[in-house]
């Protein structure tokens, strides 16, 4: 083959980042190809779309498939380089004058076929050099895949801790203001309880803020370790076949140890003490909420994974449902334009539930059990993610770092003040008050169960 054509062919099988033959090549949107490890290591921020390193076009994909044809051709090119290396005079067997085609796994030596059958090596494990090199390279790539998955997981967790750290003080202050406002509605004799609860909340808030900084530091350190190990495995993959086999050592074992003890996000919980007499005060505004008859029959009690819901009825009469992977939305029959109202929902051990109030606009855009958005929706929701539960309120969307209610949850609607408050009835504690609600009456109760 003409040398210029051969060189052009070799260039097409060479990664433009590392300038080596491709290992696990990927082809991105614009048509350019790179080694997956090279592309990943030059992808500085996993959460942001990256650009092609050749033409600067943005790629829209994240899950890249291996270019099998390019991978096979690069493997053939490496094999050709290997045989060119082995055919040199210095690589010939000094005893039998044959090409060393075999690799001894025990002493990491290259042997000709006759030497591998000798008494010295008879009990050792041998395999063809090219086959052994590709197998070792594939093992490295599999380990790199695990490392990258962990690196992405750690990156997401680090972003989460960074965001929570940034907004933690504001969240704590909002909790303090909401609880302080609740005590202002209570008799003056609760002053000592208020002082104790607020001081306890401040202390917990500071402790958690410190823990968040430590958690971030651990994740950032783990990020450097994961990327360092990934880069080391990539470097090993790019070594010529003989160097790869003889230098393999304990690199897989070391990479396995890196995957252990991955730091996890903190399970934040900023619980507040009980507010004496909270439910008694709210019961002054108690109303019974009923559902539309057809919606109650077709949605609440046949669909969704809300185990028990009790609205305006005794606990022992609460209807039971069967869990199915779907969702429902149901509205109360009442509407509210002014005044103060309080009602309770029994949630038990259920998960993926939400309840609150919504305006006419939100209701009209959610007639087909599709969550359209949070504008005009003022709700508390519980979502199960793996083995953890998350509470959040809407308008605006805010995570609530309080224990998940396991009994009755109350909602207090104050149309004049423009607030919606949620309370853990069993604990007699405030979950959250959504302040400055932009109400567009009439408001209607809403009950949801969503498999997210």
Protein backbone atom coordinates (compact mmCIF):
# COMPACT_ATOMS: atom_id res chain seq x y z
CA UNK A 1 0.00 0.00 0.00
CA UNK A 2 1.25 3.48 -0.88
CA UNK A 3 2.83 5.07 2.24
CA UNK A 4 0.77 8.26 1.90
CA UNK A 5 -2.46 6.26 1.67
CA UNK A 6 -1.35 4.18 4.66
CA UNK A 7 -0.64 7.31 6.70
CA UNK A 8 -4.02 8.80 5.75
CA UNK A 9 -5.71 5.55 6.76
CA UNK A 10 -3.90 5.57 10.12
CA UNK A 11 -4.95 9.19 10.73
CA UNK A 12 -8.59 8.21 10.29
CA UNK A 13 -8.13 5.64 13.06
CA UNK A 14 -6.42 8.12 15.38
CA UNK A 15 -8.21 10.10 18.10
CA UNK A 16 -7.62 13.85 17.52
CA UNK A 17 -7.35 14.41 21.30
CA UNK A 18 -4.79 11.79 22.38
CA UNK A 19 -3.30 11.11 18.90
CA UNK A 20 -3.42 7.34 19.55
CA UNK A 21 -5.46 4.63 17.89
CA UNK A 22 -9.08 4.78 19.04
CA UNK A 23 -10.16 2.90 22.13
CA UNK A 24 -13.95 2.61 22.54
CA UNK A 25 -14.57 5.26 19.83
CA UNK A 26 -17.74 7.36 19.78
CA UNK A 27 -19.08 9.49 16.93
CA UNK A 28 -20.94 12.62 18.04
CA UNK A 29 -23.67 14.65 16.30
CA UNK A 30 -21.35 16.54 13.94
CA UNK A 31 -19.74 13.32 12.65
CA UNK A 32 -16.35 13.63 14.36
CA UNK A 33 -15.06 10.70 16.39
CA UNK A 34 -13.06 10.51 19.62
CA UNK A 35 -11.99 7.96 22.19
CA UNK A 36 -14.76 7.88 24.76
CA UNK A 37 -12.29 8.30 27.68
CA UNK A 38 -10.59 11.26 25.97
CA UNK A 39 -13.93 12.91 25.26
CA UNK A 40 -15.13 12.38 28.84
CA UNK A 41 -11.97 13.66 30.50
CA UNK A 42 -12.10 16.82 28.40
CA UNK A 43 -15.78 17.28 29.31
CA UNK A 44 -15.21 19.68 32.18
CA UNK A 45 -18.77 20.00 33.48
CA UNK A 46 -20.84 16.83 33.16
CA UNK A 47 -24.12 18.70 33.69
CA UNK A 48 -23.55 21.07 30.73
CA UNK A 49 -23.72 20.13 27.04
CA UNK A 50 -20.27 19.96 25.54
CA UNK A 51 -18.74 21.04 22.23
CA UNK A 52 -16.92 19.05 19.59
CA UNK A 53 -13.16 19.47 20.01
CA UNK A 54 -12.77 19.63 16.22
CA UNK A 55 -15.55 21.90 14.88
CA UNK A 56 -16.86 23.47 18.16
CA UNK A 57 -20.45 22.40 17.41
CA UNK A 58 -22.55 21.52 20.47
CA UNK A 59 -23.54 17.89 20.90
CA UNK A 60 -27.06 17.21 22.15
CA UNK A 61 -26.49 13.64 23.31
CA UNK A 62 -25.15 12.24 26.55
CA UNK A 63 -25.44 8.48 26.05
CA UNK A 64 -22.98 7.79 23.25
CA UNK A 65 -22.88 4.42 21.52
CA UNK A 66 -19.59 2.80 20.60
CA UNK A 67 -18.76 3.02 16.90
CA UNK A 68 -18.27 -0.72 16.39
CA UNK A 69 -16.84 -0.50 12.88
CA UNK A 70 -14.27 2.12 13.92
CA UNK A 71 -13.37 0.07 16.99
CA UNK A 72 -12.69 -3.07 14.90
CA UNK A 73 -10.55 -1.14 12.43
CA UNK A 74 -8.53 0.46 15.24
CA UNK A 75 -8.04 -3.00 16.76
CA UNK A 76 -6.71 -4.29 13.42
CA UNK A 77 -4.35 -1.31 13.21
CA UNK A 78 -2.99 -2.07 16.70
CA UNK A 79 -2.57 -5.71 15.72
CA UNK A 80 -0.60 -4.69 12.64
CA UNK A 81 1.68 -2.52 14.81
CA UNK A 82 2.10 -5.43 17.24
CA UNK A 83 3.19 -7.87 14.52
CA UNK A 84 5.55 -5.29 13.10
CA UNK A 85 7.10 -4.97 16.56
CA UNK A 86 7.29 -8.76 17.14
CA UNK A 87 8.83 -9.43 13.73
CA UNK A 88 11.93 -7.39 14.58
CA UNK A 89 15.17 -9.28 15.15
CA UNK A 90 15.46 -8.38 18.85
CA UNK A 91 12.06 -9.92 19.56
CA UNK A 92 12.90 -13.32 18.03
CA UNK A 93 13.30 -16.24 20.42
CA UNK A 94 17.06 -16.69 21.04
CA UNK A 95 16.71 -20.46 21.41
CA UNK A 96 14.26 -21.48 18.69
CA UNK A 97 14.56 -18.47 16.36
CA UNK A 98 10.77 -18.18 16.20
CA UNK A 99 8.52 -15.15 16.64
CA UNK A 100 7.31 -14.68 20.23
CA UNK A 101 3.56 -14.96 19.82
CA UNK A 102 2.55 -16.12 23.31
CA UNK A 103 2.19 -14.26 26.60
CA UNK A 104 2.79 -15.97 29.96
CA UNK A 105 0.35 -14.71 32.59
CA UNK A 106 2.56 -15.92 35.45
CA UNK A 107 5.89 -14.20 34.80
CA UNK A 108 4.59 -11.63 32.25
CA UNK A 109 7.04 -12.76 29.59
CA UNK A 110 6.79 -13.15 25.80
CA UNK A 111 7.44 -16.65 24.50
CA UNK A 112 7.53 -18.50 21.25
CA UNK A 113 5.17 -21.45 20.88
CA UNK A 114 7.89 -24.00 21.67
CA UNK A 115 9.05 -22.17 24.81
CA UNK A 116 5.48 -22.01 26.09
CA UNK A 117 5.34 -25.82 25.91
CA UNK A 118 8.65 -26.31 27.73
CA UNK A 119 8.88 -27.87 31.17
CA UNK A 120 9.55 -24.46 32.74
CA UNK A 121 6.28 -22.97 31.45
CA UNK A 122 4.13 -26.08 31.01
CA UNK A 123 1.93 -25.37 34.04
CA UNK A 124 1.57 -21.65 33.35
CA UNK A 125 -1.35 -19.99 31.66
CA UNK A 126 -0.52 -18.79 28.13
CA UNK A 127 -2.50 -17.04 25.42
CA UNK A 128 -1.75 -15.26 22.13
CA UNK A 129 -0.34 -11.79 22.73
CA UNK A 130 -2.86 -9.93 20.56
CA UNK A 131 -5.81 -11.72 22.13
CA UNK A 132 -4.51 -11.16 25.71
CA UNK A 133 -3.89 -7.44 25.04
CA UNK A 134 -7.42 -6.87 23.72
CA UNK A 135 -8.95 -8.79 26.64
CA UNK A 136 -6.99 -6.69 29.15
CA UNK A 137 -8.00 -3.53 27.30
CA UNK A 138 -11.68 -4.53 27.40
CA UNK A 139 -11.43 -5.21 31.15
CA UNK A 140 -9.98 -1.76 31.62
CA UNK A 141 -12.79 -0.19 29.57
CA UNK A 142 -15.44 -1.98 31.64
CA UNK A 143 -13.84 -0.69 34.83
CA UNK A 144 -13.67 2.79 33.33
CA UNK A 145 -17.38 2.63 32.58
CA UNK A 146 -18.07 1.91 36.26
CA UNK A 147 -15.75 4.74 37.28
CA UNK A 148 -17.48 7.19 34.97
CA UNK A 149 -20.92 6.23 36.26
CA UNK A 150 -19.69 6.89 39.79
CA UNK A 151 -18.09 10.14 38.67
CA UNK A 152 -21.43 11.30 37.21
CA UNK A 153 -23.28 10.27 40.36
CA UNK A 154 -20.74 12.09 42.52
CA UNK A 155 -21.00 15.16 40.26
CA UNK A 156 -24.78 15.25 40.66
CA UNK A 157 -24.45 14.85 44.42
CA UNK A 158 -21.82 17.61 44.57
CA UNK A 159 -24.10 19.96 42.62
CA UNK A 160 -26.92 19.11 45.01
CA UNK A 161 -24.83 19.83 48.10
CA UNK A 162 -23.51 23.05 46.54
CA UNK A 163 -27.05 24.26 45.80
CA UNK A 164 -28.32 23.29 49.25
CA UNK A 165 -25.38 25.03 50.92
CA UNK A 166 -26.00 28.20 48.89
CA UNK A 167 -29.65 28.44 49.92
CA UNK A 168 -29.55 26.82 53.36
CA UNK A 169 -29.34 30.01 55.43
CA UNK A 170 -32.26 31.54 53.52
CA UNK A 171 -34.31 28.39 54.08
CA UNK A 172 -33.58 28.40 57.81
CA UNK A 173 -34.54 32.08 58.06
CA UNK A 174 -37.83 31.39 56.25
CA UNK A 175 -38.59 28.59 58.72
CA UNK A 176 -37.80 30.86 61.65
CA UNK A 177 -40.02 33.64 60.30
CA UNK A 178 -42.91 31.24 59.64
CA UNK A 179 -42.76 29.75 63.15
CA UNK A 180 -42.35 33.18 64.74
CA UNK A 181 -45.42 34.39 62.81
CA UNK A 182 -47.39 31.36 64.02
CA UNK A 183 -46.53 32.10 67.65
CA UNK A 184 -47.69 35.70 67.23
CA UNK A 185 -51.18 34.32 66.68
CA UNK A 186 -51.00 32.36 69.94
CA UNK A 187 -51.50 33.59 73.54
CA UNK A 188 -48.54 35.34 75.18
CA UNK A 189 -48.06 32.49 77.65
CA UNK A 190 -46.21 30.53 74.93
CA UNK A 191 -43.26 32.93 74.97
CA UNK A 192 -40.81 30.49 76.63
CA UNK A 193 -41.79 27.68 74.27
CA UNK A 194 -41.32 29.98 71.29
CA UNK A 195 -37.88 31.06 72.50
CA UNK A 196 -36.81 27.44 73.05
CA UNK A 197 -38.07 26.23 69.66
CA UNK A 198 -36.47 29.08 67.74
CA UNK A 199 -33.11 28.71 69.48
CA UNK A 200 -33.17 24.97 68.86
CA UNK A 201 -33.96 25.56 65.18
CA UNK A 202 -31.12 28.08 64.83
CA UNK A 203 -28.63 25.65 66.37
CA UNK A 204 -29.75 22.79 64.13
CA UNK A 205 -29.52 25.09 61.11
CA UNK A 206 -25.91 26.05 61.92
CA UNK A 207 -24.90 22.43 62.56
CA UNK A 208 -26.35 21.31 59.24
CA UNK A 209 -24.67 24.21 57.41
CA UNK A 210 -21.31 23.01 58.77
CA UNK A 211 -22.10 19.41 57.77
CA UNK A 212 -22.96 20.54 54.23
CA UNK A 213 -19.55 22.16 53.84
CA UNK A 214 -17.83 18.98 55.00
CA UNK A 215 -19.96 16.89 52.65
CA UNK A 216 -19.04 19.14 49.72
CA UNK A 217 -15.33 18.84 50.54
CA UNK A 218 -15.55 15.03 50.62
CA UNK A 219 -17.33 14.92 47.27
CA UNK A 220 -14.88 17.32 45.65
CA UNK A 221 -11.98 15.18 46.92
CA UNK A 222 -13.68 12.03 45.61
CA UNK A 223 -14.17 13.77 42.25
CA UNK A 224 -10.42 14.30 41.92
CA UNK A 225 -9.68 10.70 42.91
CA UNK A 226 -12.20 9.29 40.40
CA UNK A 227 -10.93 11.44 37.54
CA UNK A 228 -7.32 10.61 38.44
CA UNK A 229 -8.02 6.88 38.40
CA UNK A 230 -9.98 7.19 35.17
CA UNK A 231 -7.05 9.04 33.54
CA UNK A 232 -4.63 6.35 34.76
CA UNK A 233 -6.75 3.57 33.24
CA UNK A 234 -7.03 5.54 29.99
CA UNK A 235 -3.24 5.91 29.85
CA UNK A 236 -2.86 2.16 30.38
CA UNK A 237 -5.38 1.43 27.59
CA UNK A 238 -3.37 3.49 25.12
CA UNK A 239 -0.10 1.67 25.80
CA UNK A 240 1.22 -0.63 23.04
CA UNK A 241 0.05 -4.21 23.54
CA UNK A 242 3.27 -5.58 25.02
CA UNK A 243 3.66 -2.65 27.46
CA UNK A 244 0.01 -3.03 28.44
CA UNK A 245 0.41 -6.73 29.26
CA UNK A 246 3.66 -6.35 31.17
CA UNK A 247 2.61 -3.24 33.09
CA UNK A 248 -0.95 -4.29 33.96
CA UNK A 249 -0.16 -5.15 37.58
CA UNK A 250 -2.78 -4.41 40.24
CA UNK A 251 -4.44 -1.50 38.44
CA UNK A 252 -7.88 -3.17 38.38
CA UNK A 253 -7.71 -3.89 42.10
CA UNK A 254 -6.73 -0.29 42.84
CA UNK A 255 -9.55 1.04 40.67
CA UNK A 256 -12.01 -1.21 42.52
CA UNK A 257 -10.96 0.28 45.86
CA UNK A 258 -11.63 3.78 44.50
CA UNK A 259 -15.29 2.83 44.01
CA UNK A 260 -15.72 2.01 47.68
CA UNK A 261 -16.99 4.46 50.28
CA UNK A 262 -18.62 6.90 47.87
CA UNK A 263 -19.85 9.97 49.83
CA UNK A 264 -23.63 10.39 49.73
CA UNK A 265 -25.74 13.56 50.08
CA UNK A 266 -26.76 14.37 53.62
CA UNK A 267 -30.25 13.42 54.69
CA UNK A 268 -31.20 16.88 55.94
CA UNK A 269 -33.88 17.23 58.56
CA UNK A 270 -34.67 20.55 60.18
CA UNK A 271 -37.55 19.59 62.42
CA UNK A 272 -39.11 22.13 64.75
CA UNK A 273 -40.63 21.54 68.16
CA UNK A 274 -44.41 21.24 68.66
CA UNK A 275 -46.51 24.38 68.96
CA UNK A 276 -48.89 23.96 71.88
CA UNK A 277 -52.52 24.62 70.94
CA UNK A 278 -51.81 24.89 67.20
CA UNK A 279 -54.55 22.50 66.14
CA UNK A 280 -57.07 23.97 68.60
CA UNK A 281 -56.58 27.39 67.03
CA UNK A 282 -56.86 26.07 63.48
CA UNK A 283 -59.97 24.02 64.27
CA UNK A 284 -61.84 27.30 64.67
CA UNK A 285 -61.76 27.48 60.86
CA UNK A 286 -62.45 23.78 60.23
CA UNK A 287 -64.43 22.83 57.12
CA UNK A 288 -65.31 19.44 55.65
CA UNK A 289 -64.02 18.95 52.13
CA UNK A 290 -65.89 16.60 49.82
CA UNK A 291 -64.98 15.35 46.36
CA UNK A 292 -67.11 15.26 43.26
CA UNK A 293 -68.95 11.93 43.39
CA UNK A 294 -67.76 10.60 40.02
CA UNK A 295 -64.17 11.71 40.61
CA UNK A 296 -64.08 10.06 44.02
CA UNK A 297 -65.26 6.78 42.52
CA UNK A 298 -63.16 6.73 39.35
CA UNK A 299 -59.95 8.31 40.56
CA UNK A 300 -59.27 8.26 44.27
CA UNK A 301 -60.33 4.72 45.07
CA UNK A 302 -59.23 2.84 41.96
CA UNK A 303 -56.05 4.47 40.76
CA UNK A 304 -52.73 5.68 42.07
CA UNK A 305 -50.62 4.47 44.93
CA UNK A 306 -52.16 6.58 47.68
CA UNK A 307 -52.91 3.87 50.21
CA UNK A 308 -55.42 5.72 52.36
CA UNK A 309 -57.05 9.12 52.07
CA UNK A 310 -59.51 10.42 54.64
CA UNK A 311 -61.28 13.71 54.06
CA UNK A 312 -63.92 14.80 56.53
CA UNK A 313 -64.38 11.29 57.92
CA UNK A 314 -63.14 9.23 60.83
CA UNK A 315 -59.88 7.28 60.64
CA UNK A 316 -61.56 3.89 60.96
CA UNK A 317 -63.81 4.66 57.98
CA UNK A 318 -60.94 5.66 55.69
CA UNK A 319 -61.24 3.93 52.29
CA UNK A 320 -58.37 1.77 51.04
CA UNK A 321 -56.95 1.73 47.51
CA UNK A 322 -54.87 -0.64 45.42
CA UNK A 323 -51.55 0.62 44.13
CA UNK A 324 -51.22 0.89 40.34
CA UNK A 325 -48.61 2.74 38.26
CA UNK A 326 -50.75 5.69 37.21
CA UNK A 327 -51.97 9.03 38.54
CA UNK A 328 -55.10 10.94 39.40
CA UNK A 329 -56.26 14.46 40.06
CA UNK A 330 -59.46 15.17 41.96
CA UNK A 331 -61.03 18.44 43.07
CA UNK A 332 -63.19 19.32 46.03
CA UNK A 333 -66.72 20.56 45.47
CA UNK A 334 -66.18 23.76 47.50
CA UNK A 335 -64.65 26.97 46.19
CA UNK A 336 -63.16 29.80 48.28
CA UNK A 337 -62.93 33.48 47.42
CA UNK A 338 -62.33 35.02 50.86
CA UNK A 339 -62.02 34.07 54.51
CA UNK A 340 -60.00 31.47 56.45
CA UNK A 341 -60.39 27.71 56.14
CA UNK A 342 -58.77 24.62 57.61
CA UNK A 343 -59.04 20.93 56.70
CA UNK A 344 -57.04 17.74 57.17
CA UNK A 345 -55.99 14.76 55.06
CA UNK A 346 -54.93 11.38 56.39
CA UNK A 347 -51.84 10.16 54.49
CA UNK A 348 -50.71 7.25 56.65
CA UNK A 349 -47.72 5.45 55.13
CA UNK A 350 -48.59 6.52 51.59
CA UNK A 351 -46.13 8.18 49.23
CA UNK A 352 -46.26 10.22 46.01
CA UNK A 353 -49.18 12.30 47.15
CA UNK A 354 -50.01 15.98 46.98
CA UNK A 355 -52.80 18.21 48.18
CA UNK A 356 -53.51 21.92 48.38
CA UNK A 357 -55.55 24.53 46.54
CA UNK A 358 -55.53 25.69 42.94
CA UNK A 359 -57.17 28.42 40.92
CA UNK A 360 -59.51 28.09 37.94
CA UNK A 361 -56.70 28.50 35.40
CA UNK A 362 -54.71 25.58 36.81
CA UNK A 363 -57.78 23.35 37.04
CA UNK A 364 -58.86 24.00 33.45
CA UNK A 365 -55.41 23.06 32.19
CA UNK A 366 -55.31 19.78 34.11
CA UNK A 367 -58.54 18.06 33.17
CA UNK A 368 -56.78 14.96 31.80
CA UNK A 369 -54.65 14.04 34.82
CA UNK A 370 -51.60 15.85 33.43
CA UNK A 371 -49.63 18.11 35.75
CA UNK A 372 -49.45 21.28 33.68
CA UNK A 373 -47.22 23.35 35.96
CA UNK A 374 -47.18 24.99 39.37
CA UNK A 375 -48.56 28.42 38.45
CA UNK A 376 -51.82 28.76 40.35
CA UNK A 377 -51.13 25.64 42.42
CA UNK A 378 -50.34 25.94 46.14
CA UNK A 379 -49.63 22.48 47.46
CA UNK A 380 -47.58 20.18 49.67
CA UNK A 381 -46.30 17.01 48.02
CA UNK A 382 -44.43 13.87 49.07
CA UNK A 383 -42.35 11.98 46.52
CA UNK A 384 -40.53 8.70 47.04
CA UNK A 385 -37.10 8.43 45.40
CA UNK A 386 -35.57 4.96 45.86
CA UNK A 387 -35.75 4.52 49.64
CA UNK A 388 -35.95 8.21 50.53
CA UNK A 389 -38.92 10.53 50.75
CA UNK A 390 -38.85 14.18 49.76
CA UNK A 391 -41.35 16.84 50.74
CA UNK A 392 -41.79 19.99 48.71
CA UNK A 393 -44.18 22.89 48.37
CA UNK A 394 -45.09 24.74 45.18
CA UNK A 395 -45.30 28.41 44.21
CA UNK A 396 -42.35 28.54 44.28
CA UNK A 397 -41.09 24.97 44.20
CA UNK A 398 -39.27 24.52 47.53
CA UNK A 399 -37.84 21.40 49.15
CA UNK A 400 -38.91 21.01 52.75
CA UNK A 401 -36.37 19.44 55.09
CA UNK A 402 -38.81 18.20 57.71
CA UNK A 403 -39.80 14.64 58.71
CA UNK A 404 -42.41 13.05 56.47
CA UNK A 405 -45.87 13.19 58.07
CA UNK A 406 -47.20 9.72 58.88
CA UNK A 407 -50.69 10.62 60.03
CA UNK A 408 -52.91 13.64 59.39
CA UNK A 409 -51.66 16.68 57.48
CA UNK A 410 -53.56 19.93 57.81
CA UNK A 411 -53.97 22.83 55.40
CA UNK A 412 -54.83 26.37 56.55
CA UNK A 413 -55.93 28.77 53.82
CA UNK A 414 -55.91 32.47 54.69
CA UNK A 415 -57.28 34.37 51.68
CA UNK A 416 -56.88 37.79 53.31
CA UNK A 417 -53.22 37.29 54.28
CA UNK A 418 -52.44 35.49 51.02
CA UNK A 419 -50.88 32.45 52.72
CA UNK A 420 -51.26 28.68 52.68
CA UNK A 421 -49.90 26.78 55.69
CA UNK A 422 -49.34 23.04 56.13
CA UNK A 423 -49.07 21.39 59.54
CA UNK A 424 -48.12 17.95 60.79
CA UNK A 425 -51.16 17.30 62.94
CA UNK A 426 -49.66 14.35 64.83
CA UNK A 427 -46.58 16.40 65.82
CA UNK A 428 -48.50 19.67 66.25
CA UNK A 429 -45.77 21.36 64.22
CA UNK A 430 -45.66 23.72 61.27
CA UNK A 431 -44.35 22.17 58.05
CA UNK A 432 -44.28 25.37 56.00
CA UNK A 433 -46.21 28.52 55.18
CA UNK A 434 -46.24 29.60 51.54
CA UNK A 435 -46.05 33.41 51.85
CA UNK A 436 -47.26 36.09 49.46
CA UNK A 437 -49.45 33.76 47.41
CA UNK A 438 -50.80 35.36 44.23
CA UNK A 439 -54.34 34.09 44.57
CA UNK A 440 -56.78 34.35 41.67
CA UNK A 441 -60.10 33.35 43.26
CA UNK A 442 -62.04 31.19 43.23
CA UNK A 443 -59.73 28.64 44.84
CA UNK A 444 -60.60 24.97 44.93
CA UNK A 445 -59.14 22.09 47.02
CA UNK A 446 -57.09 19.62 45.00
CA UNK A 447 -56.01 16.06 45.79
CA UNK A 448 -53.40 14.25 43.75
CA UNK A 449 -51.60 10.94 43.67
CA UNK A 450 -48.79 10.78 41.15
CA UNK A 451 -46.37 7.95 40.41
CA UNK A 452 -43.21 9.95 39.64
